[in-house]
Amino acid sequence: MTGPWNRRQALQGLLSGSLLSAAQALAQNRDERSSTLSVSVVPQFPAAVLHRDWTPLLKRVSQLSGLNLSLKLHPSIPRFESELMEGIPDFAFMNPYHAVMAAQAQAYLPVLRNTQALSGILVVQRTSPVKSIQELDGKELAFPAPNAFGASLWMRALLAERERVHITPVYVQTHSNVYRQVLRGKVVAGGGVNHTLLQESDEVRDNLRVLFETPGVAPHPLCVHPRVPVKVRQALVDSMLQLTADTEGQALLKNIFMSRPVKADYARDYAALAQYKLEKYVVLEPQG
């Protein structure tokens, strides 16, 4: 028969165990939030521009979420891709086909994207005699990098497979470089996307003409590596969505082209891109 003493011991043991479990859970939660989480951004723009636009946003999100977020920039899109394929970033802002590549290589999951669809553009000098994309057959065209989605990968696939226009690509690292190569007459045309062209000065925009535009797809997502705990990724998502509630937050989101963020879903938003066999046009930087 169990006496009062034994029952009291059992109750104390249960209470101690509960307190220990709660303390462990609290410590784990604190560790998850205090550890530094890397956020890589595909280098569509020069590093100084990305630092200017992403640093204040991540600072605000860190304050709201209690997470310790650290911006990671890369000198080129291929270098960004190399780290992505190795699963190095905790979070990464990437183009739509990167989302397919990252899901297949490391099971990255998209968590946020903008509402507005992404489409690529092909620009020529405003005074260029070129009136149709068929006139580009056999020409050199500038692109930021092989796998820049709207500006290069999707564009090159459509030109070759649908339009039967065969070109020689020249990769110049950034969208800004593409526009300047076209303006200087180094190439007859180049690939970009609308929002990067809008970021350029009046002088650049006024002297370029959009010759061709691709069909729209779901835009760049912010993706998370599966090692990041669900609570942590949810804290980041909730905090970024919270930015839409005030003027300062809206400005921060606009700077990274996510002015109307919504939750992303891989199956709904990006999985269909795999059917276009775009891997035929993907070029990965050699590992060494």
C-alpha atoms as a PDB file:
ATOM      1  CA  MET A   1       0.000   0.000   0.000  1.00  0.00           C
ATOM      2  CA  THR A   2       1.343   3.403  -0.989  1.00  0.00           C
ATOM      3  CA  GLY A   3       1.782   5.730   1.999  1.00  0.00           C
ATOM      4  CA  PRO A   4       1.621   9.550   2.143  1.00  0.00           C
ATOM      5  CA  TRP A   5       5.421   9.763   2.027  1.00  0.00           C
ATOM      6  CA  ASN A   6       5.667   7.728  -1.176  1.00  0.00           C
ATOM      7  CA  ARG A   7       2.871   9.702  -2.804  1.00  0.00           C
ATOM      8  CA  ARG A   8       4.613  12.934  -1.861  1.00  0.00           C
ATOM      9  CA  GLN A   9       7.901  11.664  -3.317  1.00  0.00           C
ATOM     10  CA  ALA A  10       6.138  10.673  -6.543  1.00  0.00           C
ATOM     11  CA  LEU A  11       4.450  14.088  -6.785  1.00  0.00           C
ATOM     12  CA  GLN A  12       7.738  15.889  -6.168  1.00  0.00           C
ATOM     13  CA  GLY A  13       9.444  13.734  -8.785  1.00  0.00           C
ATOM     14  CA  LEU A  14       6.707  14.487 -11.316  1.00  0.00           C
ATOM     15  CA  LEU A  15       6.884  18.201 -10.562  1.00  0.00           C
ATOM     16  CA  SER A  16      10.675  18.219 -10.831  1.00  0.00           C
ATOM     17  CA  GLY A  17      10.479  16.371 -14.139  1.00  0.00           C
ATOM     18  CA  SER A  18       7.943  18.844 -15.500  1.00  0.00           C
ATOM     19  CA  LEU A  19      10.056  21.798 -14.420  1.00  0.00           C
ATOM     20  CA  LEU A  20      13.142  20.219 -15.957  1.00  0.00           C
ATOM     21  CA  SER A  21      11.310  19.585 -19.232  1.00  0.00           C
ATOM     22  CA  ALA A  22      10.026  23.164 -19.285  1.00  0.00           C
ATOM     23  CA  ALA A  23      13.517  24.510 -18.594  1.00  0.00           C
ATOM     24  CA  GLN A  24      14.984  22.350 -21.350  1.00  0.00           C
ATOM     25  CA  ALA A  25      12.300  23.496 -23.785  1.00  0.00           C
ATOM     26  CA  LEU A  26      12.939  27.130 -22.849  1.00  0.00           C
ATOM     27  CA  ALA A  27      16.684  26.691 -23.271  1.00  0.00           C
ATOM     28  CA  GLN A  28      16.207  24.972 -26.627  1.00  0.00           C
ATOM     29  CA  ASN A  29      13.911  27.743 -27.810  1.00  0.00           C
ATOM     30  CA  ARG A  30      16.441  30.368 -26.658  1.00  0.00           C
ATOM     31  CA  ASP A  31      19.277  28.529 -28.454  1.00  0.00           C
ATOM     32  CA  GLU A  32      17.232  28.255 -31.659  1.00  0.00           C
ATOM     33  CA  ARG A  33      16.515  31.993 -31.677  1.00  0.00           C
ATOM     34  CA  SER A  34      19.917  33.235 -30.510  1.00  0.00           C
ATOM     35  CA  SER A  35      22.040  31.233 -32.964  1.00  0.00           C
ATOM     36  CA  THR A  36      23.009  33.173 -36.078  1.00  0.00           C
ATOM     37  CA  LEU A  37      20.988  32.317 -39.174  1.00  0.00           C
ATOM     38  CA  SER A  38      22.446  33.131 -42.582  1.00  0.00           C
ATOM     39  CA  VAL A  39      20.330  34.785 -45.266  1.00  0.00           C
ATOM     40  CA  SER A  40      21.840  34.571 -48.755  1.00  0.00           C
ATOM     41  CA  VAL A  41      20.561  36.783 -51.570  1.00  0.00           C
ATOM     42  CA  VAL A  42      20.994  36.043 -55.263  1.00  0.00           C
ATOM     43  CA  PRO A  43      23.243  38.836 -56.611  1.00  0.00           C
ATOM     44  CA  GLN A  44      20.997  40.423 -59.239  1.00  0.00           C
ATOM     45  CA  PHE A  45      22.475  43.768 -58.208  1.00  0.00           C
ATOM     46  CA  PRO A  46      25.923  44.906 -57.043  1.00  0.00           C
ATOM     47  CA  ALA A  47      26.786  43.964 -53.457  1.00  0.00           C
ATOM     48  CA  ALA A  48      26.549  47.568 -52.258  1.00  0.00           C
ATOM     49  CA  VAL A  49      22.945  47.810 -53.462  1.00  0.00           C
ATOM     50  CA  LEU A  50      21.948  44.488 -51.872  1.00  0.00           C
ATOM     51  CA  HIS A  51      23.602  45.511 -48.605  1.00  0.00           C
ATOM     52  CA  ARG A  52      21.736  48.833 -48.666  1.00  0.00           C
ATOM     53  CA  ASP A  53      18.341  47.197 -49.271  1.00  0.00           C
ATOM     54  CA  TRP A  54      18.571  43.976 -47.244  1.00  0.00           C
ATOM     55  CA  THR A  55      20.498  45.018 -44.126  1.00  0.00           C
ATOM     56  CA  PRO A  56      17.804  47.333 -42.668  1.00  0.00           C
ATOM     57  CA  LEU A  57      15.074  44.826 -43.505  1.00  0.00           C
ATOM     58  CA  LEU A  58      16.847  41.966 -41.740  1.00  0.00           C
ATOM     59  CA  LYS A  59      17.558  44.232 -38.762  1.00  0.00           C
ATOM     60  CA  ARG A  60      13.840  45.026 -38.456  1.00  0.00           C
ATOM     61  CA  VAL A  61      12.827  41.366 -38.888  1.00  0.00           C
ATOM     62  CA  SER A  62      15.391  40.362 -36.244  1.00  0.00           C
ATOM     63  CA  GLN A  63      13.854  42.855 -33.826  1.00  0.00           C
ATOM     64  CA  LEU A  64      10.328  41.599 -34.453  1.00  0.00           C
ATOM     65  CA  SER A  65      11.132  37.891 -34.388  1.00  0.00           C
ATOM     66  CA  GLY A  66      13.927  37.682 -31.834  1.00  0.00           C
ATOM     67  CA  LEU A  67      16.047  35.859 -34.434  1.00  0.00           C
ATOM     68  CA  ASN A  68      19.688  36.661 -35.152  1.00  0.00           C
ATOM     69  CA  LEU A  69      19.791  37.084 -38.949  1.00  0.00           C
ATOM     70  CA  SER A  70      23.022  37.662 -40.866  1.00  0.00           C
ATOM     71  CA  LEU A  71      23.145  38.776 -44.513  1.00  0.00           C
ATOM     72  CA  LYS A  72      25.454  36.756 -46.791  1.00  0.00           C
ATOM     73  CA  LEU A  73      26.395  38.263 -50.158  1.00  0.00           C
ATOM     74  CA  HIS A  74      28.193  36.618 -53.072  1.00  0.00           C
ATOM     75  CA  PRO A  75      30.392  38.033 -55.844  1.00  0.00           C
ATOM     76  CA  SER A  76      28.437  36.254 -58.592  1.00  0.00           C
ATOM     77  CA  ILE A  77      25.302  34.209 -59.238  1.00  0.00           C
ATOM     78  CA  PRO A  78      27.357  31.014 -59.869  1.00  0.00           C
ATOM     79  CA  ARG A  79      29.039  31.406 -56.462  1.00  0.00           C
ATOM     80  CA  PHE A  80      25.616  31.856 -54.861  1.00  0.00           C
ATOM     81  CA  GLU A  81      24.424  28.691 -56.619  1.00  0.00           C
ATOM     82  CA  SER A  82      27.422  26.665 -55.475  1.00  0.00           C
ATOM     83  CA  GLU A  83      26.692  27.381 -51.815  1.00  0.00           C
ATOM     84  CA  LEU A  84      22.985  26.802 -52.365  1.00  0.00           C
ATOM     85  CA  MET A  85      23.598  23.369 -53.887  1.00  0.00           C
ATOM     86  CA  GLU A  86      25.747  22.503 -50.849  1.00  0.00           C
ATOM     87  CA  GLY A  87      22.957  23.594 -48.482  1.00  0.00           C
ATOM     88  CA  ILE A  88      25.065  26.239 -46.755  1.00  0.00           C
ATOM     89  CA  PRO A  89      22.538  29.117 -46.326  1.00  0.00           C
ATOM     90  CA  ASP A  90      19.822  28.749 -43.699  1.00  0.00           C
ATOM     91  CA  PHE A  91      17.562  31.076 -45.679  1.00  0.00           C
ATOM     92  CA  ALA A  92      18.051  32.156 -49.280  1.00  0.00           C
ATOM     93  CA  PHE A  93      16.293  34.555 -51.624  1.00  0.00           C
ATOM     94  CA  MET A  94      16.516  32.966 -55.073  1.00  0.00           C
ATOM     95  CA  ASN A  95      15.020  32.938 -58.522  1.00  0.00           C
ATOM     96  CA  PRO A  96      12.137  30.586 -59.443  1.00  0.00           C
ATOM     97  CA  TYR A  97      14.241  27.864 -61.055  1.00  0.00           C
ATOM     98  CA  HIS A  98      16.778  28.063 -58.246  1.00  0.00           C
ATOM     99  CA  ALA A  99      13.813  27.002 -56.083  1.00  0.00           C
ATOM    100  CA  VAL A 100      13.476  23.844 -58.195  1.00  0.00           C
ATOM    101  CA  MET A 101      17.231  23.178 -58.123  1.00  0.00           C
ATOM    102  CA  ALA A 102      17.459  23.811 -54.366  1.00  0.00           C
ATOM    103  CA  ALA A 103      14.455  21.603 -53.623  1.00  0.00           C
ATOM    104  CA  GLN A 104      15.959  18.744 -55.597  1.00  0.00           C
ATOM    105  CA  ALA A 105      19.473  19.156 -54.195  1.00  0.00           C
ATOM    106  CA  GLN A 106      18.830  20.053 -50.536  1.00  0.00           C
ATOM    107  CA  ALA A 107      15.033  19.988 -49.977  1.00  0.00           C
ATOM    108  CA  TYR A 108      14.865  23.775 -49.516  1.00  0.00           C
ATOM    109  CA  LEU A 109      11.262  24.961 -49.115  1.00  0.00           C
ATOM    110  CA  PRO A 110       9.871  28.297 -50.346  1.00  0.00           C
ATOM    111  CA  VAL A 111       8.141  30.179 -47.525  1.00  0.00           C
ATOM    112  CA  LEU A 112       7.467  33.664 -48.938  1.00  0.00           C
ATOM    113  CA  ARG A 113       7.150  35.314 -52.335  1.00  0.00           C
ATOM    114  CA  ASN A 114       5.726  38.476 -53.826  1.00  0.00           C
ATOM    115  CA  THR A 115       2.252  38.491 -55.346  1.00  0.00           C
ATOM    116  CA  GLN A 116       3.192  39.980 -58.723  1.00  0.00           C
ATOM    117  CA  ALA A 117       4.381  37.533 -61.402  1.00  0.00           C
ATOM    118  CA  LEU A 118       7.940  37.652 -62.766  1.00  0.00           C
ATOM    119  CA  SER A 119       8.699  37.950 -66.468  1.00  0.00           C
ATOM    120  CA  GLY A 120      11.963  38.420 -68.300  1.00  0.00           C
ATOM    121  CA  ILE A 121      12.662  41.159 -70.829  1.00  0.00           C
ATOM    122  CA  LEU A 122      15.000  41.444 -73.765  1.00  0.00           C
ATOM    123  CA  VAL A 123      16.210  45.014 -74.339  1.00  0.00           C
ATOM    124  CA  VAL A 124      17.887  46.769 -77.257  1.00  0.00           C
ATOM    125  CA  GLN A 125      19.051  50.345 -77.734  1.00  0.00           C
ATOM    126  CA  ARG A 126      16.081  52.664 -78.212  1.00  0.00           C
ATOM    127  CA  THR A 127      17.412  53.656 -81.663  1.00  0.00           C
ATOM    128  CA  SER A 128      18.235  50.066 -82.685  1.00  0.00           C
ATOM    129  CA  PRO A 129      16.869  49.015 -86.103  1.00  0.00           C
ATOM    130  CA  VAL A 130      15.998  45.584 -84.643  1.00  0.00           C
ATOM    131  CA  LYS A 131      12.201  45.145 -84.587  1.00  0.00           C
ATOM    132  CA  SER A 132      11.749  41.404 -83.964  1.00  0.00           C
ATOM    133  CA  ILE A 133      13.551  38.705 -82.034  1.00  0.00           C
ATOM    134  CA  GLN A 134      14.084  36.722 -85.253  1.00  0.00           C
ATOM    135  CA  GLU A 135      16.587  39.403 -86.246  1.00  0.00           C
ATOM    136  CA  LEU A 136      18.732  38.317 -83.290  1.00  0.00           C
ATOM    137  CA  ASP A 137      19.443  34.892 -84.783  1.00  0.00           C
ATOM    138  CA  GLY A 138      23.189  34.242 -84.773  1.00  0.00           C
ATOM    139  CA  LYS A 139      23.947  37.320 -82.637  1.00  0.00           C
ATOM    140  CA  GLU A 140      25.722  37.734 -79.286  1.00  0.00           C
ATOM    141  CA  LEU A 141      23.380  38.644 -76.425  1.00  0.00           C
ATOM    142  CA  ALA A 142      24.308  39.684 -72.884  1.00  0.00           C
ATOM    143  CA  PHE A 143      22.872  37.968 -69.799  1.00  0.00           C
ATOM    144  CA  PRO A 144      23.718  38.405 -66.110  1.00  0.00           C
ATOM    145  CA  ALA A 145      24.500  34.700 -65.564  1.00  0.00           C
ATOM    146  CA  PRO A 146      23.457  31.352 -67.084  1.00  0.00           C
ATOM    147  CA  ASN A 147      20.863  30.590 -64.400  1.00  0.00           C
ATOM    148  CA  ALA A 148      19.403  34.039 -63.733  1.00  0.00           C
ATOM    149  CA  PHE A 149      15.836  32.916 -64.323  1.00  0.00           C
ATOM    150  CA  GLY A 150      13.758  35.561 -66.105  1.00  0.00           C
ATOM    151  CA  ALA A 151      16.748  37.420 -67.495  1.00  0.00           C
ATOM    152  CA  SER A 152      18.628  34.392 -68.836  1.00  0.00           C
ATOM    153  CA  LEU A 153      17.553  30.788 -68.247  1.00  0.00           C
ATOM    154  CA  TRP A 154      13.851  31.148 -69.121  1.00  0.00           C
ATOM    155  CA  MET A 155      14.716  33.623 -71.877  1.00  0.00           C
ATOM    156  CA  ARG A 156      17.323  31.432 -73.580  1.00  0.00           C
ATOM    157  CA  ALA A 157      15.058  28.372 -73.398  1.00  0.00           C
ATOM    158  CA  LEU A 158      12.151  30.253 -75.016  1.00  0.00           C
ATOM    159  CA  LEU A 159      14.349  31.733 -77.739  1.00  0.00           C
ATOM    160  CA  ALA A 160      15.781  28.340 -78.669  1.00  0.00           C
ATOM    161  CA  GLU A 161      12.840  25.984 -78.143  1.00  0.00           C
ATOM    162  CA  ARG A 162       9.813  28.111 -79.033  1.00  0.00           C
ATOM    163  CA  GLU A 163      11.145  30.869 -81.270  1.00  0.00           C
ATOM    164  CA  ARG A 164      13.944  28.866 -82.939  1.00  0.00           C
ATOM    165  CA  VAL A 165      16.289  31.805 -82.484  1.00  0.00           C
ATOM    166  CA  HIS A 166      19.861  30.681 -81.835  1.00  0.00           C
ATOM    167  CA  ILE A 167      22.145  33.134 -80.096  1.00  0.00           C
ATOM    168  CA  THR A 168      25.567  33.198 -78.429  1.00  0.00           C
ATOM    169  CA  PRO A 169      25.262  34.160 -74.739  1.00  0.00           C
ATOM    170  CA  VAL A 170      27.764  36.480 -73.069  1.00  0.00           C
ATOM    171  CA  TYR A 171      27.556  36.484 -69.260  1.00  0.00           C
ATOM    172  CA  VAL A 172      28.363  39.763 -67.517  1.00  0.00           C
ATOM    173  CA  GLN A 173      27.424  39.003 -63.850  1.00  0.00           C
ATOM    174  CA  THR A 174      24.675  41.548 -63.092  1.00  0.00           C
ATOM    175  CA  HIS A 175      21.551  43.017 -64.684  1.00  0.00           C
ATOM    176  CA  SER A 176      23.111  46.471 -64.498  1.00  0.00           C
ATOM    177  CA  ASN A 177      26.073  45.253 -66.537  1.00  0.00           C
ATOM    178  CA  VAL A 178      23.699  43.807 -69.159  1.00  0.00           C
ATOM    179  CA  TYR A 179      21.969  47.141 -69.696  1.00  0.00           C
ATOM    180  CA  ARG A 180      25.287  48.956 -70.018  1.00  0.00           C
ATOM    181  CA  GLN A 181      26.675  46.407 -72.480  1.00  0.00           C
ATOM    182  CA  VAL A 182      23.647  47.067 -74.684  1.00  0.00           C
ATOM    183  CA  LEU A 183      23.932  50.848 -74.334  1.00  0.00           C
ATOM    184  CA  ARG A 184      27.632  50.771 -75.274  1.00  0.00           C
ATOM    185  CA  GLY A 185      26.945  48.661 -78.351  1.00  0.00           C
ATOM    186  CA  LYS A 186      28.982  45.716 -77.088  1.00  0.00           C
ATOM    187  CA  VAL A 187      25.994  43.455 -77.844  1.00  0.00           C
ATOM    188  CA  VAL A 188      22.827  44.007 -79.859  1.00  0.00           C
ATOM    189  CA  ALA A 189      20.482  42.940 -77.034  1.00  0.00           C
ATOM    190  CA  GLY A 190      20.467  41.706 -73.450  1.00  0.00           C
ATOM    191  CA  GLY A 191      18.270  39.982 -70.897  1.00  0.00           C
ATOM    192  CA  GLY A 192      16.881  41.500 -67.717  1.00  0.00           C
ATOM    193  CA  VAL A 193      13.628  41.778 -65.782  1.00  0.00           C
ATOM    194  CA  ASN A 194      11.266  44.715 -65.412  1.00  0.00           C
ATOM    195  CA  HIS A 195      12.027  45.518 -61.790  1.00  0.00           C
ATOM    196  CA  THR A 196      15.798  45.706 -62.329  1.00  0.00           C
ATOM    197  CA  LEU A 197      15.325  47.990 -65.308  1.00  0.00           C
ATOM    198  CA  LEU A 198      13.109  50.232 -63.186  1.00  0.00           C
ATOM    199  CA  GLN A 199      15.967  50.512 -60.667  1.00  0.00           C
ATOM    200  CA  GLU A 200      18.230  52.072 -63.284  1.00  0.00           C
ATOM    201  CA  SER A 201      18.732  55.799 -63.824  1.00  0.00           C
ATOM    202  CA  ASP A 202      16.529  57.763 -66.216  1.00  0.00           C
ATOM    203  CA  GLU A 203      19.461  57.959 -68.607  1.00  0.00           C
ATOM    204  CA  VAL A 204      19.689  54.164 -68.844  1.00  0.00           C
ATOM    205  CA  ARG A 205      15.938  53.523 -69.044  1.00  0.00           C
ATOM    206  CA  ASP A 206      15.309  56.264 -71.592  1.00  0.00           C
ATOM    207  CA  ASN A 207      17.875  54.816 -73.978  1.00  0.00           C
ATOM    208  CA  LEU A 208      16.666  51.203 -73.905  1.00  0.00           C
ATOM    209  CA  ARG A 209      13.639  49.590 -75.524  1.00  0.00           C
ATOM    210  CA  VAL A 210      11.956  46.316 -74.531  1.00  0.00           C
ATOM    211  CA  LEU A 211      11.931  44.050 -77.589  1.00  0.00           C
ATOM    212  CA  PHE A 212      10.469  40.880 -76.044  1.00  0.00           C
ATOM    213  CA  GLU A 213       8.882  39.744 -72.774  1.00  0.00           C
ATOM    214  CA  THR A 214       8.532  36.203 -71.442  1.00  0.00           C
ATOM    215  CA  PRO A 215       5.335  34.710 -69.965  1.00  0.00           C
ATOM    216  CA  GLY A 216       5.001  35.418 -66.234  1.00  0.00           C
ATOM    217  CA  VAL A 217       5.734  32.932 -63.445  1.00  0.00           C
ATOM    218  CA  ALA A 218       5.693  33.038 -59.627  1.00  0.00           C
ATOM    219  CA  PRO A 219       8.515  35.413 -58.586  1.00  0.00           C
ATOM    220  CA  HIS A 220      11.637  34.950 -56.477  1.00  0.00           C
ATOM    221  CA  PRO A 221      10.906  33.111 -53.226  1.00  0.00           C
ATOM    222  CA  LEU A 222      12.579  33.274 -49.846  1.00  0.00           C
ATOM    223  CA  CYS A 223      13.430  29.635 -49.083  1.00  0.00           C
ATOM    224  CA  VAL A 224      14.513  27.808 -45.947  1.00  0.00           C
ATOM    225  CA  HIS A 225      16.759  24.797 -45.427  1.00  0.00           C
ATOM    226  CA  PRO A 226      14.958  21.861 -43.729  1.00  0.00           C
ATOM    227  CA  ARG A 227      17.431  21.917 -40.811  1.00  0.00           C
ATOM    228  CA  VAL A 228      15.910  25.204 -39.606  1.00  0.00           C
ATOM    229  CA  PRO A 229      13.260  24.408 -36.956  1.00  0.00           C
ATOM    230  CA  VAL A 230       9.642  24.995 -37.942  1.00  0.00           C
ATOM    231  CA  LYS A 231       9.154  27.487 -35.078  1.00  0.00           C
ATOM    232  CA  VAL A 232      12.097  29.537 -36.290  1.00  0.00           C
ATOM    233  CA  ARG A 233      11.028  29.679 -39.935  1.00  0.00           C
ATOM    234  CA  GLN A 234       7.482  30.570 -38.832  1.00  0.00           C
ATOM    235  CA  ALA A 235       8.818  33.411 -36.680  1.00  0.00           C
ATOM    236  CA  LEU A 236      10.606  34.849 -39.712  1.00  0.00           C
ATOM    237  CA  VAL A 237       7.560  34.494 -41.981  1.00  0.00           C
ATOM    238  CA  ASP A 238       5.221  36.078 -39.430  1.00  0.00           C
ATOM    239  CA  SER A 239       7.613  38.982 -38.885  1.00  0.00           C
ATOM    240  CA  MET A 240       8.000  39.718 -42.590  1.00  0.00           C
ATOM    241  CA  LEU A 241       4.248  39.629 -43.106  1.00  0.00           C
ATOM    242  CA  GLN A 242       3.932  41.979 -40.119  1.00  0.00           C
ATOM    243  CA  LEU A 243       6.020  44.579 -41.995  1.00  0.00           C
ATOM    244  CA  THR A 244       3.072  45.259 -44.293  1.00  0.00           C
ATOM    245  CA  ALA A 245       1.242  46.888 -41.351  1.00  0.00           C
ATOM    246  CA  ASP A 246       3.283  50.116 -41.259  1.00  0.00           C
ATOM    247  CA  THR A 247       4.813  52.602 -43.680  1.00  0.00           C
ATOM    248  CA  GLU A 248       8.431  51.886 -42.737  1.00  0.00           C
ATOM    249  CA  GLY A 249       7.943  48.140 -43.131  1.00  0.00           C
ATOM    250  CA  GLN A 250       6.231  48.595 -46.487  1.00  0.00           C
ATOM    251  CA  ALA A 251       9.204  50.630 -47.727  1.00  0.00           C
ATOM    252  CA  LEU A 252      11.642  47.929 -46.583  1.00  0.00           C
ATOM    253  CA  LEU A 253       9.671  45.252 -48.430  1.00  0.00           C
ATOM    254  CA  LYS A 254       9.426  47.376 -51.566  1.00  0.00           C
ATOM    255  CA  ASN A 255      13.221  47.714 -51.629  1.00  0.00           C
ATOM    256  CA  ILE A 256      13.610  43.927 -51.960  1.00  0.00           C
ATOM    257  CA  PHE A 257      10.745  43.618 -54.484  1.00  0.00           C
ATOM    258  CA  MET A 258       8.384  41.916 -52.052  1.00  0.00           C
ATOM    259  CA  SER A 259       5.916  44.755 -51.531  1.00  0.00           C
ATOM    260  CA  ARG A 260       2.965  42.348 -51.321  1.00  0.00           C
ATOM    261  CA  PRO A 261       4.342  39.192 -49.672  1.00  0.00           C
ATOM    262  CA  VAL A 262       2.301  35.996 -49.464  1.00  0.00           C
ATOM    263  CA  LYS A 263       3.145  32.532 -48.194  1.00  0.00           C
ATOM    264  CA  ALA A 264       4.766  30.431 -50.911  1.00  0.00           C
ATOM    265  CA  ASP A 265       4.059  26.809 -51.736  1.00  0.00           C
ATOM    266  CA  TYR A 266       6.471  24.683 -53.769  1.00  0.00           C
ATOM    267  CA  ALA A 267       3.876  22.395 -55.372  1.00  0.00           C
ATOM    268  CA  ARG A 268       1.584  25.268 -56.340  1.00  0.00           C
ATOM    269  CA  ASP A 269       4.153  27.895 -57.323  1.00  0.00           C
ATOM    270  CA  TYR A 270       7.339  26.262 -58.620  1.00  0.00           C
ATOM    271  CA  ALA A 271       7.095  22.491 -59.185  1.00  0.00           C
ATOM    272  CA  ALA A 272       5.607  22.929 -62.673  1.00  0.00           C
ATOM    273  CA  LEU A 273       8.833  24.572 -63.888  1.00  0.00           C
ATOM    274  CA  ALA A 274      10.491  21.152 -63.770  1.00  0.00           C
ATOM    275  CA  GLN A 275       8.418  20.006 -66.762  1.00  0.00           C
ATOM    276  CA  TYR A 276      10.078  22.519 -69.081  1.00  0.00           C
ATOM    277  CA  LYS A 277      13.401  20.637 -68.857  1.00  0.00           C
ATOM    278  CA  LEU A 278      15.245  23.858 -68.136  1.00  0.00           C
ATOM    279  CA  GLU A 279      18.165  21.809 -66.804  1.00  0.00           C
ATOM    280  CA  LYS A 280      19.265  21.637 -70.457  1.00  0.00           C
ATOM    281  CA  TYR A 281      20.151  25.323 -70.137  1.00  0.00           C
ATOM    282  CA  VAL A 282      21.496  25.302 -66.567  1.00  0.00           C
ATOM    283  CA  VAL A 283      25.231  25.891 -66.190  1.00  0.00           C
ATOM    284  CA  LEU A 284      26.744  25.170 -62.768  1.00  0.00           C
ATOM    285  CA  GLU A 285      30.124  26.484 -61.667  1.00  0.00           C
ATOM    286  CA  PRO A 286      32.666  23.644 -61.343  1.00  0.00           C
ATOM    287  CA  GLN A 287      33.372  22.602 -57.770  1.00  0.00           C
ATOM    288  CA  GLY A 288      37.002  22.684 -56.765  1.00  0.00           C
END
